[in-house]
Amino acid sequence: MAHLKTLDTANNEQQRFQWKLNLVKMLYYKGYSREDIVALFKFIDWLLMLPKGLEKDFKNELKTFEEEQKMAYVTSIERLGREEGREEGMKEGLQQGELLNKQKVLRKQLSQKFGITEEESDIISNQENPELLDKAIDEIIFASSKEEVLKHLKEDI
């Protein structure tokens, strides 16, 4: 249909604008998936090219329509990207917080039981493997020296 409307509206930019908008709206009404709408929109956009002024009007009309429908699939790609980035950042932040907490617990327990030097504190701070930090924390209970604890931070998993 988009191809036929391209031919039908070859000499009428305003009519082409209206058909382009109608075809895109039909994608929403038909209940297509977000991925299908984006793919079909790209095809329609390529076939029914508009002059710059009408293209700007088209984008404004489509945005208004999407807001009215609360189905902003085309613009939701940006929103989804931001949400995914935010979730990934939160996950990384939580992991970093857990790592820092393990380092803090190990440093405090080791310091209370054996005392630690600044160099040993740096070894703990530089360890970014949470499994090795857990092993070292677990070892403190049974260790008779701080070397028995710190050896776990030098292991490779």
N, C-alpha and C. Protein backbone atom coordinates (compact mmCIF):
# COMPACT_ATOMS: atom_id res chain seq x y z
N MET A 1 0.82 -1.18 0.00
CA MET A 1 0.00 0.00 0.00
C MET A 1 0.87 1.26 0.00
N ALA A 2 1.96 1.23 0.74
CA ALA A 2 2.84 2.40 0.80
C ALA A 2 3.38 2.72 -0.59
N HIS A 3 3.72 1.69 -1.36
CA HIS A 3 4.24 1.90 -2.71
C HIS A 3 3.17 2.54 -3.59
N LEU A 4 1.94 2.05 -3.50
CA LEU A 4 0.84 2.61 -4.30
C LEU A 4 0.59 4.07 -3.95
N LYS A 5 0.65 4.37 -2.67
CA LYS A 5 0.42 5.75 -2.25
C LYS A 5 1.59 6.65 -2.66
N THR A 6 2.77 6.09 -2.79
CA THR A 6 3.91 6.86 -3.29
C THR A 6 3.63 7.29 -4.71
N LEU A 7 3.12 6.36 -5.50
CA LEU A 7 2.79 6.67 -6.90
C LEU A 7 1.63 7.64 -6.99
N ASP A 8 0.59 7.41 -6.17
CA ASP A 8 -0.61 8.25 -6.20
C ASP A 8 -0.33 9.69 -5.79
N THR A 9 0.64 9.89 -4.93
CA THR A 9 0.87 11.22 -4.35
C THR A 9 2.13 11.88 -4.90
N ALA A 10 2.60 11.42 -6.03
CA ALA A 10 3.85 11.92 -6.60
C ALA A 10 3.83 13.44 -6.78
N ASN A 11 2.68 14.01 -7.11
CA ASN A 11 2.61 15.44 -7.38
C ASN A 11 1.84 16.22 -6.31
N ASN A 12 1.58 15.58 -5.17
CA ASN A 12 0.79 16.25 -4.14
C ASN A 12 1.42 15.97 -2.76
N GLU A 13 2.29 16.87 -2.34
CA GLU A 13 3.04 16.67 -1.09
C GLU A 13 2.13 16.63 0.13
N GLN A 14 1.08 17.44 0.13
CA GLN A 14 0.17 17.46 1.27
C GLN A 14 -0.58 16.13 1.39
N GLN A 15 -0.99 15.59 0.26
CA GLN A 15 -1.68 14.30 0.26
C GLN A 15 -0.71 13.18 0.70
N ARG A 16 0.53 13.28 0.25
CA ARG A 16 1.55 12.30 0.65
C ARG A 16 1.77 12.35 2.16
N PHE A 17 1.83 13.56 2.70
CA PHE A 17 1.97 13.75 4.14
C PHE A 17 0.84 13.02 4.87
N GLN A 18 -0.38 13.25 4.42
CA GLN A 18 -1.54 12.64 5.09
C GLN A 18 -1.52 11.12 4.99
N TRP A 19 -1.16 10.59 3.83
CA TRP A 19 -1.10 9.14 3.68
C TRP A 19 0.01 8.51 4.51
N LYS A 20 1.12 9.18 4.57
CA LYS A 20 2.23 8.68 5.38
C LYS A 20 1.79 8.59 6.85
N LEU A 21 1.15 9.64 7.31
CA LEU A 21 0.67 9.66 8.69
C LEU A 21 -0.37 8.56 8.91
N ASN A 22 -1.30 8.42 7.96
CA ASN A 22 -2.34 7.39 8.08
C ASN A 22 -1.75 5.98 8.11
N LEU A 23 -0.77 5.72 7.24
CA LEU A 23 -0.16 4.39 7.20
C LEU A 23 0.56 4.06 8.50
N VAL A 24 1.26 5.03 9.04
CA VAL A 24 1.97 4.80 10.30
C VAL A 24 0.96 4.58 11.43
N LYS A 25 -0.09 5.36 11.46
CA LYS A 25 -1.11 5.18 12.49
C LYS A 25 -1.74 3.80 12.41
N MET A 26 -1.92 3.29 11.17
CA MET A 26 -2.49 1.95 11.01
C MET A 26 -1.63 0.88 11.67
N LEU A 27 -0.33 1.09 11.66
CA LEU A 27 0.57 0.13 12.31
C LEU A 27 0.24 0.01 13.79
N TYR A 28 -0.04 1.13 14.40
CA TYR A 28 -0.39 1.15 15.81
C TYR A 28 -1.74 0.47 16.04
N TYR A 29 -2.71 0.85 15.21
CA TYR A 29 -4.07 0.32 15.37
C TYR A 29 -4.13 -1.19 15.15
N LYS A 30 -3.29 -1.70 14.27
CA LYS A 30 -3.29 -3.13 13.98
C LYS A 30 -2.61 -3.95 15.09
N GLY A 31 -1.96 -3.28 16.02
CA GLY A 31 -1.36 -3.97 17.17
C GLY A 31 -0.03 -4.64 16.87
N TYR A 32 0.70 -4.13 15.91
CA TYR A 32 2.01 -4.70 15.59
C TYR A 32 2.96 -4.54 16.78
N SER A 33 3.95 -5.42 16.83
CA SER A 33 4.96 -5.33 17.89
C SER A 33 5.82 -4.09 17.66
N ARG A 34 6.51 -3.68 18.69
CA ARG A 34 7.39 -2.51 18.62
C ARG A 34 8.42 -2.69 17.51
N GLU A 35 9.01 -3.88 17.43
CA GLU A 35 10.04 -4.14 16.41
C GLU A 35 9.46 -4.04 15.01
N ASP A 36 8.25 -4.59 14.81
CA ASP A 36 7.61 -4.52 13.50
C ASP A 36 7.27 -3.09 13.12
N ILE A 37 6.77 -2.33 14.08
CA ILE A 37 6.42 -0.93 13.80
C ILE A 37 7.65 -0.15 13.37
N VAL A 38 8.75 -0.35 14.08
CA VAL A 38 9.98 0.38 13.74
C VAL A 38 10.44 -0.01 12.34
N ALA A 39 10.45 -1.32 12.04
CA ALA A 39 10.91 -1.77 10.73
C ALA A 39 10.00 -1.25 9.61
N LEU A 40 8.70 -1.36 9.81
CA LEU A 40 7.76 -0.89 8.78
C LEU A 40 7.79 0.63 8.66
N PHE A 41 7.96 1.31 9.78
CA PHE A 41 8.06 2.77 9.72
C PHE A 41 9.25 3.19 8.87
N LYS A 42 10.38 2.53 9.04
CA LYS A 42 11.56 2.87 8.24
C LYS A 42 11.28 2.70 6.75
N PHE A 43 10.56 1.63 6.40
CA PHE A 43 10.21 1.38 5.01
C PHE A 43 9.27 2.46 4.49
N ILE A 44 8.23 2.75 5.24
CA ILE A 44 7.26 3.79 4.85
C ILE A 44 7.96 5.14 4.73
N ASP A 45 8.83 5.42 5.67
CA ASP A 45 9.56 6.69 5.69
C ASP A 45 10.44 6.81 4.44
N TRP A 46 11.01 5.70 4.02
CA TRP A 46 11.87 5.69 2.84
C TRP A 46 11.04 5.89 1.57
N LEU A 47 9.88 5.23 1.51
CA LEU A 47 9.03 5.33 0.31
C LEU A 47 8.35 6.69 0.19
N LEU A 48 7.77 7.13 1.27
CA LEU A 48 6.97 8.37 1.25
C LEU A 48 7.78 9.53 1.82
N MET A 49 8.84 9.88 1.11
CA MET A 49 9.69 10.98 1.56
C MET A 49 8.93 12.29 1.44
N LEU A 50 9.17 13.14 2.42
CA LEU A 50 8.51 14.45 2.47
C LEU A 50 9.57 15.54 2.43
N PRO A 51 9.20 16.72 1.95
CA PRO A 51 10.13 17.85 2.04
C PRO A 51 10.37 18.19 3.52
N LYS A 52 11.48 18.86 3.79
CA LYS A 52 11.88 19.12 5.17
C LYS A 52 10.77 19.74 6.03
N GLY A 53 10.09 20.70 5.51
CA GLY A 53 9.04 21.38 6.28
C GLY A 53 7.93 20.42 6.65
N LEU A 54 7.49 19.61 5.68
CA LEU A 54 6.43 18.64 5.97
C LEU A 54 6.94 17.50 6.84
N GLU A 55 8.21 17.16 6.71
CA GLU A 55 8.79 16.10 7.55
C GLU A 55 8.75 16.52 9.02
N LYS A 56 9.06 17.77 9.26
CA LYS A 56 8.99 18.29 10.63
C LYS A 56 7.55 18.24 11.15
N ASP A 57 6.61 18.64 10.30
CA ASP A 57 5.20 18.58 10.67
C ASP A 57 4.77 17.13 10.94
N PHE A 58 5.27 16.22 10.12
CA PHE A 58 4.94 14.81 10.27
C PHE A 58 5.42 14.30 11.64
N LYS A 59 6.65 14.61 11.98
CA LYS A 59 7.19 14.17 13.26
C LYS A 59 6.38 14.72 14.43
N ASN A 60 5.98 15.98 14.32
CA ASN A 60 5.16 16.58 15.38
C ASN A 60 3.81 15.91 15.48
N GLU A 61 3.18 15.65 14.35
CA GLU A 61 1.87 14.97 14.33
C GLU A 61 1.99 13.56 14.91
N LEU A 62 3.04 12.85 14.52
CA LEU A 62 3.23 11.49 15.01
C LEU A 62 3.48 11.48 16.52
N LYS A 63 4.27 12.42 16.97
CA LYS A 63 4.54 12.50 18.41
C LYS A 63 3.25 12.77 19.19
N THR A 64 2.45 13.69 18.69
CA THR A 64 1.16 14.00 19.32
C THR A 64 0.28 12.76 19.34
N PHE A 65 0.22 12.06 18.21
CA PHE A 65 -0.58 10.84 18.12
C PHE A 65 -0.10 9.80 19.13
N GLU A 66 1.20 9.59 19.20
CA GLU A 66 1.75 8.60 20.12
C GLU A 66 1.42 8.95 21.56
N GLU A 67 1.52 10.22 21.90
CA GLU A 67 1.20 10.64 23.26
C GLU A 67 -0.27 10.42 23.56
N GLU A 68 -1.12 10.69 22.58
CA GLU A 68 -2.55 10.48 22.77
C GLU A 68 -2.87 9.00 22.95
N GLN A 69 -2.16 8.16 22.23
CA GLN A 69 -2.41 6.72 22.27
C GLN A 69 -1.69 6.05 23.44
N LYS A 70 -0.75 6.77 24.03
CA LYS A 70 0.11 6.21 25.08
C LYS A 70 0.79 4.93 24.59
N MET A 71 1.17 4.98 23.32
CA MET A 71 1.83 3.84 22.67
C MET A 71 3.03 4.34 21.87
N ALA A 72 3.86 5.11 22.43
CA ALA A 72 4.93 5.76 21.68
C ALA A 72 6.03 4.76 21.31
N TYR A 73 5.73 3.89 20.36
CA TYR A 73 6.69 2.84 19.99
C TYR A 73 7.95 3.40 19.36
N VAL A 74 7.81 4.32 18.44
CA VAL A 74 8.99 4.82 17.74
C VAL A 74 9.89 5.57 18.71
N THR A 75 9.30 6.45 19.51
CA THR A 75 10.12 7.20 20.46
C THR A 75 10.45 6.37 21.69
N SER A 76 9.77 5.26 21.89
CA SER A 76 10.05 4.44 23.06
C SER A 76 11.41 3.76 22.96
N ILE A 77 11.95 3.65 21.77
CA ILE A 77 13.27 3.06 21.62
C ILE A 77 14.27 3.86 22.44
N GLU A 78 14.19 5.17 22.34
CA GLU A 78 15.08 6.01 23.14
C GLU A 78 14.82 5.81 24.63
N ARG A 79 13.54 5.77 25.00
CA ARG A 79 13.20 5.60 26.42
C ARG A 79 13.68 4.25 26.93
N LEU A 80 13.50 3.19 26.13
CA LEU A 80 13.96 1.87 26.54
C LEU A 80 15.47 1.84 26.69
N GLY A 81 16.16 2.50 25.77
CA GLY A 81 17.62 2.57 25.87
C GLY A 81 18.07 3.24 27.16
N ARG A 82 17.39 4.33 27.50
CA ARG A 82 17.73 5.02 28.76
C ARG A 82 17.43 4.14 29.96
N GLU A 83 16.27 3.44 29.93
CA GLU A 83 15.90 2.57 31.05
C GLU A 83 16.89 1.42 31.20
N GLU A 84 17.28 0.82 30.07
CA GLU A 84 18.26 -0.27 30.13
C GLU A 84 19.59 0.24 30.68
N GLY A 85 20.01 1.41 30.22
CA GLY A 85 21.25 2.01 30.71
C GLY A 85 21.18 2.30 32.20
N ARG A 86 20.03 2.80 32.64
CA ARG A 86 19.85 3.10 34.05
C ARG A 86 19.89 1.82 34.88
N GLU A 87 19.20 0.76 34.40
CA GLU A 87 19.20 -0.51 35.11
C GLU A 87 20.60 -1.11 35.18
N GLU A 88 21.32 -1.04 34.06
CA GLU A 88 22.68 -1.56 34.03
C GLU A 88 23.57 -0.78 34.99
N GLY A 89 23.41 0.54 35.01
CA GLY A 89 24.18 1.37 35.93
C GLY A 89 23.87 1.06 37.38
N MET A 90 22.58 0.84 37.66
CA MET A 90 22.20 0.49 39.04
C MET A 90 22.81 -0.86 39.43
N LYS A 91 22.77 -1.82 38.52
CA LYS A 91 23.33 -3.14 38.79
C LYS A 91 24.83 -3.04 39.06
N GLU A 92 25.52 -2.29 38.21
CA GLU A 92 26.96 -2.11 38.41
C GLU A 92 27.24 -1.38 39.72
N GLY A 93 26.41 -0.40 40.04
CA GLY A 93 26.58 0.32 41.30
C GLY A 93 26.39 -0.58 42.51
N LEU A 94 25.39 -1.45 42.44
CA LEU A 94 25.16 -2.40 43.53
C LEU A 94 26.34 -3.36 43.67
N GLN A 95 26.84 -3.85 42.55
CA GLN A 95 27.98 -4.76 42.59
C GLN A 95 29.21 -4.06 43.17
N GLN A 96 29.42 -2.82 42.77
CA GLN A 96 30.55 -2.06 43.30
C GLN A 96 30.38 -1.82 44.80
N GLY A 97 29.15 -1.52 45.21
CA GLY A 97 28.87 -1.32 46.63
C GLY A 97 29.12 -2.58 47.44
N GLU A 98 28.70 -3.73 46.91
CA GLU A 98 28.94 -5.00 47.60
C GLU A 98 30.43 -5.29 47.70
N LEU A 99 31.16 -5.00 46.63
CA LEU A 99 32.61 -5.22 46.63
C LEU A 99 33.28 -4.33 47.69
N LEU A 100 32.92 -3.06 47.71
CA LEU A 100 33.50 -2.15 48.70
C LEU A 100 33.15 -2.58 50.12
N ASN A 101 31.94 -3.08 50.32
CA ASN A 101 31.53 -3.55 51.64
C ASN A 101 32.37 -4.76 52.07
N LYS A 102 32.59 -5.70 51.16
CA LYS A 102 33.41 -6.88 51.48
C LYS A 102 34.84 -6.46 51.83
N GLN A 103 35.36 -5.50 51.07
CA GLN A 103 36.71 -5.02 51.36
C GLN A 103 36.75 -4.37 52.74
N LYS A 104 35.74 -3.60 53.06
CA LYS A 104 35.67 -2.93 54.36
C LYS A 104 35.58 -3.94 55.50
N VAL A 105 34.71 -4.95 55.34
CA VAL A 105 34.54 -5.98 56.38
C VAL A 105 35.85 -6.73 56.59
N LEU A 106 36.49 -7.14 55.50
CA LEU A 106 37.76 -7.87 55.61
C LEU A 106 38.82 -7.01 56.28
N ARG A 107 38.92 -5.76 55.86
CA ARG A 107 39.91 -4.86 56.45
C ARG A 107 39.67 -4.69 57.95
N LYS A 108 38.41 -4.52 58.34
CA LYS A 108 38.07 -4.30 59.75
C LYS A 108 38.33 -5.55 60.58
N GLN A 109 37.88 -6.71 60.10
CA GLN A 109 38.08 -7.95 60.87
C GLN A 109 39.55 -8.32 60.99
N LEU A 110 40.27 -8.17 59.87
CA LEU A 110 41.70 -8.49 59.89
C LEU A 110 42.45 -7.54 60.82
N SER A 111 42.07 -6.28 60.79
CA SER A 111 42.71 -5.28 61.64
C SER A 111 42.44 -5.57 63.12
N GLN A 112 41.21 -5.96 63.45
CA GLN A 112 40.86 -6.23 64.84
C GLN A 112 41.54 -7.49 65.36
N LYS A 113 41.67 -8.50 64.49
CA LYS A 113 42.24 -9.76 64.96
C LYS A 113 43.77 -9.74 64.95
N PHE A 114 44.38 -9.17 63.90
CA PHE A 114 45.83 -9.25 63.77
C PHE A 114 46.51 -7.90 63.64
N GLY A 115 45.76 -6.88 63.29
CA GLY A 115 46.38 -5.60 62.93
C GLY A 115 46.87 -5.70 61.49
N ILE A 116 46.78 -4.61 60.74
CA ILE A 116 47.25 -4.65 59.35
C ILE A 116 48.05 -3.40 59.03
N THR A 117 48.95 -3.58 58.09
CA THR A 117 49.75 -2.45 57.61
C THR A 117 48.99 -1.75 56.49
N GLU A 118 49.51 -0.60 56.10
CA GLU A 118 48.90 0.14 55.00
C GLU A 118 49.02 -0.66 53.70
N GLU A 119 50.13 -1.34 53.54
CA GLU A 119 50.34 -2.17 52.34
C GLU A 119 49.31 -3.31 52.28
N GLU A 120 49.04 -3.92 53.43
CA GLU A 120 48.04 -5.00 53.48
C GLU A 120 46.63 -4.45 53.22
N SER A 121 46.39 -3.25 53.72
CA SER A 121 45.10 -2.60 53.46
C SER A 121 44.94 -2.32 51.96
N ASP A 122 46.03 -1.93 51.30
CA ASP A 122 46.01 -1.68 49.86
C ASP A 122 45.75 -2.97 49.08
N ILE A 123 46.31 -4.08 49.55
CA ILE A 123 46.08 -5.38 48.90
C ILE A 123 44.59 -5.69 48.91
N ILE A 124 43.95 -5.44 50.04
CA ILE A 124 42.51 -5.68 50.17
C ILE A 124 41.74 -4.73 49.24
N SER A 125 42.13 -3.46 49.24
CA SER A 125 41.44 -2.47 48.41
C SER A 125 41.57 -2.76 46.92
N ASN A 126 42.68 -3.34 46.53
CA ASN A 126 42.92 -3.62 45.11
C ASN A 126 42.29 -4.93 44.64
N GLN A 127 41.80 -5.74 45.57
CA GLN A 127 41.17 -7.01 45.19
C GLN A 127 39.74 -6.75 44.72
N GLU A 128 39.46 -7.07 43.49
CA GLU A 128 38.14 -6.81 42.92
C GLU A 128 37.35 -8.09 42.66
N ASN A 129 37.88 -9.21 43.12
CA ASN A 129 37.17 -10.48 42.94
C ASN A 129 36.39 -10.77 44.22
N PRO A 130 35.05 -10.68 44.17
CA PRO A 130 34.25 -10.87 45.38
C PRO A 130 34.37 -12.28 45.96
N GLU A 131 34.62 -13.27 45.11
CA GLU A 131 34.76 -14.64 45.61
C GLU A 131 36.01 -14.79 46.47
N LEU A 132 37.10 -14.16 46.04
CA LEU A 132 38.33 -14.22 46.83
C LEU A 132 38.19 -13.46 48.14
N LEU A 133 37.48 -12.34 48.09
CA LEU A 133 37.23 -11.59 49.33
C LEU A 133 36.39 -12.43 50.29
N ASP A 134 35.38 -13.14 49.77
CA ASP A 134 34.56 -14.02 50.62
C ASP A 134 35.40 -15.11 51.26
N LYS A 135 36.30 -15.71 50.48
CA LYS A 135 37.17 -16.76 51.02
C LYS A 135 38.03 -16.21 52.17
N ALA A 136 38.57 -15.02 51.95
CA ALA A 136 39.42 -14.40 52.97
C ALA A 136 38.61 -14.07 54.22
N ILE A 137 37.39 -13.57 54.05
CA ILE A 137 36.53 -13.25 55.20
C ILE A 137 36.21 -14.52 55.98
N ASP A 138 35.88 -15.60 55.25
CA ASP A 138 35.57 -16.87 55.91
C ASP A 138 36.78 -17.42 56.66
N GLU A 139 37.97 -17.18 56.16
CA GLU A 139 39.20 -17.72 56.75
C GLU A 139 39.56 -17.03 58.06
N ILE A 140 39.13 -15.80 58.27
CA ILE A 140 39.52 -15.04 59.47
C ILE A 140 39.17 -15.79 60.75
N ILE A 141 38.03 -16.45 60.76
CA ILE A 141 37.58 -17.15 61.97
C ILE A 141 38.58 -18.20 62.42
N PHE A 142 39.14 -18.94 61.47
CA PHE A 142 40.01 -20.07 61.80
C PHE A 142 41.50 -19.74 61.70
N ALA A 143 41.84 -18.62 61.10
CA ALA A 143 43.24 -18.29 60.84
C ALA A 143 44.02 -18.01 62.12
N SER A 144 45.27 -18.46 62.11
CA SER A 144 46.14 -18.16 63.24
C SER A 144 47.11 -17.03 62.89
N SER A 145 47.09 -16.59 61.61
CA SER A 145 47.91 -15.45 61.20
C SER A 145 47.22 -14.72 60.06
N LYS A 146 47.60 -13.47 59.89
CA LYS A 146 46.99 -12.70 58.81
C LYS A 146 47.45 -13.18 57.44
N GLU A 147 48.61 -13.83 57.39
CA GLU A 147 49.10 -14.37 56.13
C GLU A 147 48.17 -15.45 55.59
N GLU A 148 47.57 -16.25 56.52
CA GLU A 148 46.62 -17.29 56.11
C GLU A 148 45.39 -16.68 55.44
N VAL A 149 45.04 -15.50 55.88
CA VAL A 149 43.88 -14.81 55.31
C VAL A 149 44.26 -14.15 53.98
N LEU A 150 45.37 -13.44 53.98
CA LEU A 150 45.77 -12.67 52.80
C LEU A 150 46.15 -13.56 51.61
N LYS A 151 46.54 -14.82 51.87
CA LYS A 151 46.90 -15.71 50.76
C LYS A 151 45.71 -15.94 49.82
N HIS A 152 44.51 -15.85 50.36
CA HIS A 152 43.31 -16.05 49.53
C HIS A 152 43.12 -14.92 48.52
N LEU A 153 43.68 -13.76 48.83
CA LEU A 153 43.54 -12.63 47.92
C LEU A 153 44.50 -12.72 46.73
N LYS A 154 45.43 -13.65 46.81
CA LYS A 154 46.42 -13.81 45.75
C LYS A 154 46.10 -15.00 44.85
N GLU A 155 45.03 -15.73 45.15
CA GLU A 155 44.62 -16.89 44.35
C GLU A 155 44.05 -16.43 43.03
N ASP A 156 44.13 -17.30 42.04
CA ASP A 156 43.45 -17.07 40.76
C ASP A 156 42.32 -18.04 40.65
N ILE A 157 41.15 -17.52 40.25
CA ILE A 157 39.99 -18.40 40.06
C ILE A 157 39.79 -18.62 38.60
